[in-house]
Amino acid sequence: NYYGRESIWTSRIESVTANKEKDFIGWMWGF
């Protein structure tokens, strides 16, 4: 959760963080 986030997409934030929410098919390479 990124409370207060309005201007930047969640996907863009998670592109720079090491810890992020598990993808729907997170077991697949590249996700």
PDB file of all heavy atoms in Angstrom:
ATOM      1  N   ASN A   1       0.843  -1.199   0.000  1.00  0.00           N
ATOM      2  CA  ASN A   1       0.000   0.000   0.000  1.00  0.00           C
ATOM      3  C   ASN A   1       0.875   1.245   0.000  1.00  0.00           C
ATOM      4  O   ASN A   1       1.866   1.321   0.744  1.00  0.00           O
ATOM      5  CB  ASN A   1      -0.903   0.020   1.238  1.00  0.00           C
ATOM      6  CG  ASN A   1      -1.796  -1.220   1.304  1.00  0.00           C
ATOM      7  OD1 ASN A   1      -2.541  -1.507   0.378  1.00  0.00           O
ATOM      8  ND2 ASN A   1      -1.703  -1.951   2.413  1.00  0.00           N
ATOM      9  N   TYR A   2       0.520   2.190  -0.836  1.00  0.00           N
ATOM     10  CA  TYR A   2       1.236   3.460  -0.919  1.00  0.00           C
ATOM     11  C   TYR A   2       0.224   4.573  -0.628  1.00  0.00           C
ATOM     12  O   TYR A   2      -0.305   5.229  -1.529  1.00  0.00           O
ATOM     13  CB  TYR A   2       1.877   3.625  -2.297  1.00  0.00           C
ATOM     14  CG  TYR A   2       2.783   2.465  -2.662  1.00  0.00           C
ATOM     15  CD1 TYR A   2       2.302   1.396  -3.422  1.00  0.00           C
ATOM     16  CD2 TYR A   2       4.093   2.411  -2.208  1.00  0.00           C
ATOM     17  CE1 TYR A   2       3.111   0.320  -3.732  1.00  0.00           C
ATOM     18  CE2 TYR A   2       4.914   1.336  -2.511  1.00  0.00           C
ATOM     19  CZ  TYR A   2       4.415   0.287  -3.273  1.00  0.00           C
ATOM     20  OH  TYR A   2       5.218  -0.777  -3.573  1.00  0.00           O
ATOM     21  N   TYR A   3      -0.056   4.750   0.644  1.00  0.00           N
ATOM     22  CA  TYR A   3      -1.073   5.708   1.066  1.00  0.00           C
ATOM     23  C   TYR A   3      -0.598   7.132   0.771  1.00  0.00           C
ATOM     24  O   TYR A   3       0.526   7.510   1.118  1.00  0.00           O
ATOM     25  CB  TYR A   3      -1.378   5.552   2.551  1.00  0.00           C
ATOM     26  CG  TYR A   3      -1.971   4.203   2.902  1.00  0.00           C
ATOM     27  CD1 TYR A   3      -1.236   3.255   3.614  1.00  0.00           C
ATOM     28  CD2 TYR A   3      -3.265   3.870   2.505  1.00  0.00           C
ATOM     29  CE1 TYR A   3      -1.772   2.009   3.943  1.00  0.00           C
ATOM     30  CE2 TYR A   3      -3.821   2.637   2.821  1.00  0.00           C
ATOM     31  CZ  TYR A   3      -3.063   1.711   3.528  1.00  0.00           C
ATOM     32  OH  TYR A   3      -3.609   0.487   3.834  1.00  0.00           O
ATOM     33  N   GLY A   4      -1.450   7.913   0.134  1.00  0.00           N
ATOM     34  CA  GLY A   4      -1.094   9.279  -0.240  1.00  0.00           C
ATOM     35  C   GLY A   4      -0.599   9.399  -1.665  1.00  0.00           C
ATOM     36  O   GLY A   4      -0.390  10.499  -2.171  1.00  0.00           O
ATOM     37  N   ARG A   5      -0.399   8.268  -2.332  1.00  0.00           N
ATOM     38  CA  ARG A   5       0.064   8.295  -3.725  1.00  0.00           C
ATOM     39  C   ARG A   5      -1.061   8.781  -4.634  1.00  0.00           C
ATOM     40  O   ARG A   5      -2.158   8.241  -4.622  1.00  0.00           O
ATOM     41  CB  ARG A   5       0.490   6.882  -4.158  1.00  0.00           C
ATOM     42  CG  ARG A   5       0.943   6.800  -5.619  1.00  0.00           C
ATOM     43  CD  ARG A   5       0.766   5.423  -6.185  1.00  0.00           C
ATOM     44  NE  ARG A   5      -0.630   5.011  -6.172  1.00  0.00           N
ATOM     45  CZ  ARG A   5      -1.532   5.396  -7.074  1.00  0.00           C
ATOM     46  NH1 ARG A   5      -1.214   6.233  -8.041  1.00  0.00           N
ATOM     47  NH2 ARG A   5      -2.784   4.962  -6.974  1.00  0.00           N
ATOM     48  N   GLU A   6      -0.748   9.787  -5.440  1.00  0.00           N
ATOM     49  CA  GLU A   6      -1.731  10.293  -6.386  1.00  0.00           C
ATOM     50  C   GLU A   6      -1.136  10.501  -7.776  1.00  0.00           C
ATOM     51  O   GLU A   6      -1.767  10.179  -8.780  1.00  0.00           O
ATOM     52  CB  GLU A   6      -2.319  11.624  -5.885  1.00  0.00           C
ATOM     53  CG  GLU A   6      -3.145  11.499  -4.606  1.00  0.00           C
ATOM     54  CD  GLU A   6      -3.696  12.838  -4.160  1.00  0.00           C
ATOM     55  OE1 GLU A   6      -3.413  13.851  -4.853  1.00  0.00           O
ATOM     56  OE2 GLU A   6      -4.405  12.875  -3.129  1.00  0.00           O
ATOM     57  N   SER A   7       0.078  11.011  -7.842  1.00  0.00           N
ATOM     58  CA  SER A   7       0.629  11.470  -9.120  1.00  0.00           C
ATOM     59  C   SER A   7       1.438  10.419  -9.864  1.00  0.00           C
ATOM     60  O   SER A   7       1.646  10.551 -11.076  1.00  0.00           O
ATOM     61  CB  SER A   7       1.518  12.707  -8.885  1.00  0.00           C
ATOM     62  OG  SER A   7       0.789  13.721  -8.225  1.00  0.00           O
ATOM     63  N   ILE A   8       1.914   9.407  -9.181  1.00  0.00           N
ATOM     64  CA  ILE A   8       2.770   8.396  -9.816  1.00  0.00           C
ATOM     65  C   ILE A   8       2.094   7.042  -9.704  1.00  0.00           C
ATOM     66  O   ILE A   8       1.612   6.672  -8.633  1.00  0.00           O
ATOM     67  CB  ILE A   8       4.170   8.359  -9.152  1.00  0.00           C
ATOM     68  CG1 ILE A   8       4.848   9.727  -9.280  1.00  0.00           C
ATOM     69  CG2 ILE A   8       5.041   7.291  -9.797  1.00  0.00           C
ATOM     70  CD1 ILE A   8       6.221   9.793  -8.645  1.00  0.00           C
ATOM     71  N   TRP A   9       2.078   6.318 -10.814  1.00  0.00           N
ATOM     72  CA  TRP A   9       1.443   4.999 -10.824  1.00  0.00           C
ATOM     73  C   TRP A   9       2.169   4.045  -9.884  1.00  0.00           C
ATOM     74  O   TRP A   9       3.382   4.117  -9.697  1.00  0.00           O
ATOM     75  CB  TRP A   9       1.442   4.411 -12.227  1.00  0.00           C
ATOM     76  CG  TRP A   9       0.521   5.140 -13.181  1.00  0.00           C
ATOM     77  CD1 TRP A   9      -0.374   6.115 -12.882  1.00  0.00           C
ATOM     78  CD2 TRP A   9       0.435   4.915 -14.595  1.00  0.00           C
ATOM     79  NE1 TRP A   9      -1.033   6.525 -14.014  1.00  0.00           N
ATOM     80  CE2 TRP A   9      -0.565   5.813 -15.084  1.00  0.00           C
ATOM     81  CE3 TRP A   9       1.075   4.066 -15.485  1.00  0.00           C
ATOM     82  CZ2 TRP A   9      -0.918   5.867 -16.435  1.00  0.00           C
ATOM     83  CZ3 TRP A   9       0.730   4.119 -16.827  1.00  0.00           C
ATOM     84  CH2 TRP A   9      -0.258   5.004 -17.292  1.00  0.00           C
ATOM     85  N   THR A  10       1.395   3.122  -9.337  1.00  0.00           N
ATOM     86  CA  THR A  10       1.979   2.111  -8.455  1.00  0.00           C
ATOM     87  C   THR A  10       3.037   1.294  -9.175  1.00  0.00           C
ATOM     88  O   THR A  10       4.097   0.969  -8.619  1.00  0.00           O
ATOM     89  CB  THR A  10       0.877   1.182  -7.912  1.00  0.00           C
ATOM     90  OG1 THR A  10      -0.041   1.946  -7.139  1.00  0.00           O
ATOM     91  CG2 THR A  10       1.472   0.084  -7.044  1.00  0.00           C
ATOM     92  N   SER A  11       2.785   0.934 -10.427  1.00  0.00           N
ATOM     93  CA  SER A  11       3.750   0.125 -11.193  1.00  0.00           C
ATOM     94  C   SER A  11       5.072   0.857 -11.352  1.00  0.00           C
ATOM     95  O   SER A  11       6.144   0.236 -11.359  1.00  0.00           O
ATOM     96  CB  SER A  11       3.174  -0.229 -12.560  1.00  0.00           C
ATOM     97  OG  SER A  11       2.882   0.945 -13.299  1.00  0.00           O
ATOM     98  N   ARG A  12       5.016   2.209 -11.487  1.00  0.00           N
ATOM     99  CA  ARG A  12       6.256   2.980 -11.616  1.00  0.00           C
ATOM    100  C   ARG A  12       7.004   2.990 -10.293  1.00  0.00           C
ATOM    101  O   ARG A  12       8.238   2.890 -10.274  1.00  0.00           O
ATOM    102  CB  ARG A  12       5.928   4.413 -12.048  1.00  0.00           C
ATOM    103  CG  ARG A  12       7.178   5.264 -12.308  1.00  0.00           C
ATOM    104  CD  ARG A  12       7.936   4.760 -13.515  1.00  0.00           C
ATOM    105  NE  ARG A  12       9.154   5.508 -13.750  1.00  0.00           N
ATOM    106  CZ  ARG A  12      10.363   5.150 -13.318  1.00  0.00           C
ATOM    107  NH1 ARG A  12      10.510   4.024 -12.600  1.00  0.00           N
ATOM    108  NH2 ARG A  12      11.420   5.876 -13.585  1.00  0.00           N
ATOM    109  N   ILE A  13       6.288   3.092  -9.193  1.00  0.00           N
ATOM    110  CA  ILE A  13       6.949   3.052  -7.882  1.00  0.00           C
ATOM    111  C   ILE A  13       7.618   1.702  -7.677  1.00  0.00           C
ATOM    112  O   ILE A  13       8.766   1.609  -7.232  1.00  0.00           O
ATOM    113  CB  ILE A  13       5.932   3.345  -6.760  1.00  0.00           C
ATOM    114  CG1 ILE A  13       5.460   4.793  -6.826  1.00  0.00           C
ATOM    115  CG2 ILE A  13       6.538   3.047  -5.391  1.00  0.00           C
ATOM    116  CD1 ILE A  13       4.401   5.154  -5.816  1.00  0.00           C
ATOM    117  N   GLU A  14       6.905   0.629  -8.009  1.00  0.00           N
ATOM    118  CA  GLU A  14       7.452  -0.713  -7.783  1.00  0.00           C
ATOM    119  C   GLU A  14       8.601  -1.037  -8.727  1.00  0.00           C
ATOM    120  O   GLU A  14       9.343  -1.989  -8.494  1.00  0.00           O
ATOM    121  CB  GLU A  14       6.339  -1.746  -7.907  1.00  0.00           C
ATOM    122  CG  GLU A  14       5.335  -1.664  -6.755  1.00  0.00           C
ATOM    123  CD  GLU A  14       4.439  -2.881  -6.661  1.00  0.00           C
ATOM    124  OE1 GLU A  14       4.233  -3.543  -7.691  1.00  0.00           O
ATOM    125  OE2 GLU A  14       3.954  -3.166  -5.549  1.00  0.00           O
ATOM    126  N   SER A  15       8.764  -0.240  -9.785  1.00  0.00           N
ATOM    127  CA  SER A  15       9.905  -0.472 -10.680  1.00  0.00           C
ATOM    128  C   SER A  15      11.224  -0.067 -10.029  1.00  0.00           C
ATOM    129  O   SER A  15      12.293  -0.491 -10.481  1.00  0.00           O
ATOM    130  CB  SER A  15       9.723   0.297 -11.991  1.00  0.00           C
ATOM    131  OG  SER A  15       9.852   1.697 -11.788  1.00  0.00           O
ATOM    132  N   VAL A  16      11.156   0.750  -8.950  1.00  0.00           N
ATOM    133  CA  VAL A  16      12.394   1.194  -8.297  1.00  0.00           C
ATOM    134  C   VAL A  16      12.595   0.545  -6.938  1.00  0.00           C
ATOM    135  O   VAL A  16      13.662   0.699  -6.335  1.00  0.00           O
ATOM    136  CB  VAL A  16      12.414   2.736  -8.137  1.00  0.00           C
ATOM    137  CG1 VAL A  16      12.304   3.416  -9.481  1.00  0.00           C
ATOM    138  CG2 VAL A  16      11.322   3.220  -7.186  1.00  0.00           C
ATOM    139  N   THR A  17      11.596  -0.175  -6.419  1.00  0.00           N
ATOM    140  CA  THR A  17      11.728  -0.773  -5.092  1.00  0.00           C
ATOM    141  C   THR A  17      12.140  -2.237  -5.187  1.00  0.00           C
ATOM    142  O   THR A  17      11.826  -2.919  -6.158  1.00  0.00           O
ATOM    143  CB  THR A  17      10.407  -0.671  -4.307  1.00  0.00           C
ATOM    144  OG1 THR A  17       9.361  -1.321  -5.052  1.00  0.00           O
ATOM    145  CG2 THR A  17      10.039   0.771  -4.070  1.00  0.00           C
ATOM    146  N   ALA A  18      12.821  -2.703  -4.149  1.00  0.00           N
ATOM    147  CA  ALA A  18      13.209  -4.114  -4.095  1.00  0.00           C
ATOM    148  C   ALA A  18      12.065  -4.975  -3.578  1.00  0.00           C
ATOM    149  O   ALA A  18      11.905  -6.126  -3.991  1.00  0.00           O
ATOM    150  CB  ALA A  18      14.437  -4.283  -3.203  1.00  0.00           C
ATOM    151  N   ASN A  19      11.250  -4.427  -2.672  1.00  0.00           N
ATOM    152  CA  ASN A  19      10.115  -5.154  -2.104  1.00  0.00           C
ATOM    153  C   ASN A  19       8.833  -4.651  -2.750  1.00  0.00           C
ATOM    154  O   ASN A  19       8.547  -3.444  -2.730  1.00  0.00           O
ATOM    155  CB  ASN A  19      10.057  -4.946  -0.588  1.00  0.00           C
ATOM    156  CG  ASN A  19      11.218  -5.598   0.120  1.00  0.00           C
ATOM    157  OD1 ASN A  19      11.215  -6.798   0.362  1.00  0.00           O
ATOM    158  ND2 ASN A  19      12.238  -4.803   0.439  1.00  0.00           N
ATOM    159  N   LYS A  20       8.078  -5.576  -3.308  1.00  0.00           N
ATOM    160  CA  LYS A  20       6.861  -5.187  -4.010  1.00  0.00           C
ATOM    161  C   LYS A  20       5.830  -6.297  -3.930  1.00  0.00           C
ATOM    162  O   LYS A  20       6.147  -7.449  -3.602  1.00  0.00           O
ATOM    163  CB  LYS A  20       7.176  -4.823  -5.454  1.00  0.00           C
ATOM    164  CG  LYS A  20       7.879  -5.904  -6.253  1.00  0.00           C
ATOM    165  CD  LYS A  20       8.575  -5.339  -7.476  1.00  0.00           C
ATOM    166  CE  LYS A  20       9.869  -4.659  -7.109  1.00  0.00           C
ATOM    167  NZ  LYS A  20      10.625  -4.157  -8.271  1.00  0.00           N
ATOM    168  N   GLU A  21       4.626  -5.946  -4.261  1.00  0.00           N
ATOM    169  CA  GLU A  21       3.508  -6.878  -4.170  1.00  0.00           C
ATOM    170  C   GLU A  21       3.660  -8.023  -5.177  1.00  0.00           C
ATOM    171  O   GLU A  21       4.111  -7.818  -6.303  1.00  0.00           O
ATOM    172  CB  GLU A  21       2.213  -6.111  -4.431  1.00  0.00           C
ATOM    173  CG  GLU A  21       0.943  -6.890  -4.248  1.00  0.00           C
ATOM    174  CD  GLU A  21      -0.277  -5.995  -4.446  1.00  0.00           C
ATOM    175  OE1 GLU A  21      -0.345  -4.930  -3.792  1.00  0.00           O
ATOM    176  OE2 GLU A  21      -1.159  -6.363  -5.255  1.00  0.00           O
ATOM    177  N   LYS A  22       3.288  -9.222  -4.760  1.00  0.00           N
ATOM    178  CA  LYS A  22       3.387 -10.383  -5.634  1.00  0.00           C
ATOM    179  C   LYS A  22       2.432 -10.245  -6.819  1.00  0.00           C
ATOM    180  O   LYS A  22       1.278  -9.866  -6.677  1.00  0.00           O
ATOM    181  CB  LYS A  22       3.050 -11.663  -4.855  1.00  0.00           C
ATOM    182  CG  LYS A  22       3.122 -12.930  -5.697  1.00  0.00           C
ATOM    183  CD  LYS A  22       2.717 -14.160  -4.897  1.00  0.00           C
ATOM    184  CE  LYS A  22       2.740 -15.412  -5.785  1.00  0.00           C
ATOM    185  NZ  LYS A  22       2.318 -16.605  -5.033  1.00  0.00           N
ATOM    186  N   ASP A  23       2.956 -10.541  -8.029  1.00  0.00           N
ATOM    187  CA  ASP A  23       2.123 -10.523  -9.224  1.00  0.00           C
ATOM    188  C   ASP A  23       1.193 -11.728  -9.248  1.00  0.00           C
ATOM    189  O   ASP A  23       1.439 -12.737  -8.568  1.00  0.00           O
ATOM    190  CB  ASP A  23       2.994 -10.523 -10.488  1.00  0.00           C
ATOM    191  CG  ASP A  23       3.722  -9.199 -10.670  1.00  0.00           C
ATOM    192  OD1 ASP A  23       3.217  -8.174 -10.169  1.00  0.00           O
ATOM    193  OD2 ASP A  23       4.796  -9.189 -11.314  1.00  0.00           O
ATOM    194  N   PHE A  24       0.172 -11.632 -10.092  1.00  0.00           N
ATOM    195  CA  PHE A  24      -0.804 -12.718 -10.200  1.00  0.00           C
ATOM    196  C   PHE A  24      -0.134 -14.023 -10.606  1.00  0.00           C
ATOM    197  O   PHE A  24      -0.475 -15.094 -10.106  1.00  0.00           O
ATOM    198  CB  PHE A  24      -1.888 -12.336 -11.215  1.00  0.00           C
ATOM    199  CG  PHE A  24      -2.858 -13.441 -11.504  1.00  0.00           C
ATOM    200  CD1 PHE A  24      -3.744 -13.891 -10.522  1.00  0.00           C
ATOM    201  CD2 PHE A  24      -2.874 -14.070 -12.742  1.00  0.00           C
ATOM    202  CE1 PHE A  24      -4.635 -14.917 -10.785  1.00  0.00           C
ATOM    203  CE2 PHE A  24      -3.762 -15.094 -13.009  1.00  0.00           C
ATOM    204  CZ  PHE A  24      -4.644 -15.524 -12.035  1.00  0.00           C
ATOM    205  N   ILE A  25       0.818 -13.938 -11.516  1.00  0.00           N
ATOM    206  CA  ILE A  25       1.572 -15.131 -11.933  1.00  0.00           C
ATOM    207  C   ILE A  25       3.040 -14.938 -11.539  1.00  0.00           C
ATOM    208  O   ILE A  25       3.944 -15.048 -12.356  1.00  0.00           O
ATOM    209  CB  ILE A  25       1.422 -15.419 -13.445  1.00  0.00           C
ATOM    210  CG1 ILE A  25       1.691 -14.141 -14.270  1.00  0.00           C
ATOM    211  CG2 ILE A  25       0.062 -15.991 -13.750  1.00  0.00           C
ATOM    212  CD1 ILE A  25       1.697 -14.412 -15.783  1.00  0.00           C
ATOM    213  N   GLY A  26       3.231 -14.617 -10.260  1.00  0.00           N
ATOM    214  CA  GLY A  26       4.567 -14.314  -9.783  1.00  0.00           C
ATOM    215  C   GLY A  26       5.546 -15.460  -9.874  1.00  0.00           C
ATOM    216  O   GLY A  26       6.758 -15.248  -9.824  1.00  0.00           O
ATOM    217  N   TRP A  27       5.053 -16.663 -10.027  1.00  0.00           N
ATOM    218  CA  TRP A  27       5.942 -17.828 -10.144  1.00  0.00           C
ATOM    219  C   TRP A  27       6.634 -17.875 -11.503  1.00  0.00           C
ATOM    220  O   TRP A  27       7.637 -18.575 -11.669  1.00  0.00           O
ATOM    221  CB  TRP A  27       5.137 -19.118  -9.957  1.00  0.00           C
ATOM    222  CG  TRP A  27       3.882 -19.154 -10.796  1.00  0.00           C
ATOM    223  CD1 TRP A  27       2.641 -18.764 -10.415  1.00  0.00           C
ATOM    224  CD2 TRP A  27       3.760 -19.580 -12.159  1.00  0.00           C
ATOM    225  NE1 TRP A  27       1.742 -18.919 -11.441  1.00  0.00           N
ATOM    226  CE2 TRP A  27       2.403 -19.427 -12.532  1.00  0.00           C
ATOM    227  CE3 TRP A  27       4.654 -20.076 -13.097  1.00  0.00           C
ATOM    228  CZ2 TRP A  27       1.933 -19.740 -13.802  1.00  0.00           C
ATOM    229  CZ3 TRP A  27       4.192 -20.389 -14.367  1.00  0.00           C
ATOM    230  CH2 TRP A  27       2.844 -20.216 -14.713  1.00  0.00           C
ATOM    231  N   MET A  28       6.135 -17.125 -12.491  1.00  0.00           N
ATOM    232  CA  MET A  28       6.705 -17.176 -13.834  1.00  0.00           C
ATOM    233  C   MET A  28       7.906 -16.241 -13.928  1.00  0.00           C
ATOM    234  O   MET A  28       7.918 -15.163 -13.345  1.00  0.00           O
ATOM    235  CB  MET A  28       5.647 -16.780 -14.874  1.00  0.00           C
ATOM    236  CG  MET A  28       6.150 -16.862 -16.327  1.00  0.00           C
ATOM    237  SD  MET A  28       4.850 -16.486 -17.538  1.00  0.00           S
ATOM    238  CE  MET A  28       3.810 -17.942 -17.339  1.00  0.00           C
ATOM    239  N   TRP A  29       8.922 -16.680 -14.712  1.00  0.00           N
ATOM    240  CA  TRP A  29      10.129 -15.870 -14.879  1.00  0.00           C
ATOM    241  C   TRP A  29       9.760 -14.516 -15.476  1.00  0.00           C
ATOM    242  O   TRP A  29       8.961 -14.413 -16.412  1.00  0.00           O
ATOM    243  CB  TRP A  29      11.113 -16.588 -15.805  1.00  0.00           C
ATOM    244  CG  TRP A  29      12.400 -15.824 -15.949  1.00  0.00           C
ATOM    245  CD1 TRP A  29      13.514 -15.909 -15.170  1.00  0.00           C
ATOM    246  CD2 TRP A  29      12.680 -14.830 -16.925  1.00  0.00           C
ATOM    247  NE1 TRP A  29      14.462 -15.035 -15.598  1.00  0.00           N
ATOM    248  CE2 TRP A  29      13.986 -14.361 -16.683  1.00  0.00           C
ATOM    249  CE3 TRP A  29      11.949 -14.289 -17.983  1.00  0.00           C
ATOM    250  CZ2 TRP A  29      14.580 -13.385 -17.460  1.00  0.00           C
ATOM    251  CZ3 TRP A  29      12.544 -13.302 -18.764  1.00  0.00           C
ATOM    252  CH2 TRP A  29      13.846 -12.861 -18.501  1.00  0.00           C
ATOM    253  N   GLY A  30      10.353 -13.460 -14.925  1.00  0.00           N
ATOM    254  CA  GLY A  30      10.084 -12.121 -15.418  1.00  0.00           C
ATOM    255  C   GLY A  30       9.021 -11.391 -14.636  1.00  0.00           C
ATOM    256  O   GLY A  30       8.846 -10.177 -14.813  1.00  0.00           O
ATOM    257  N   PHE A  31       8.289 -12.087 -13.768  1.00  0.00           N
ATOM    258  CA  PHE A  31       7.263 -11.461 -12.946  1.00  0.00           C
ATOM    259  C   PHE A  31       7.729 -11.444 -11.488  1.00  0.00           C
ATOM    260  O   PHE A  31       8.589 -12.236 -11.088  1.00  0.00           O
ATOM    261  CB  PHE A  31       5.927 -12.203 -13.081  1.00  0.00           C
ATOM    262  CG  PHE A  31       5.301 -12.055 -14.445  1.00  0.00           C
ATOM    263  CD1 PHE A  31       5.649 -12.910 -15.481  1.00  0.00           C
ATOM    264  CD2 PHE A  31       4.374 -11.057 -14.686  1.00  0.00           C
ATOM    265  CE1 PHE A  31       5.078 -12.775 -16.740  1.00  0.00           C
ATOM    266  CE2 PHE A  31       3.791 -10.916 -15.940  1.00  0.00           C
ATOM    267  CZ  PHE A  31       4.145 -11.780 -16.972  1.00  0.00           C
TER     268      PHE A  31
END
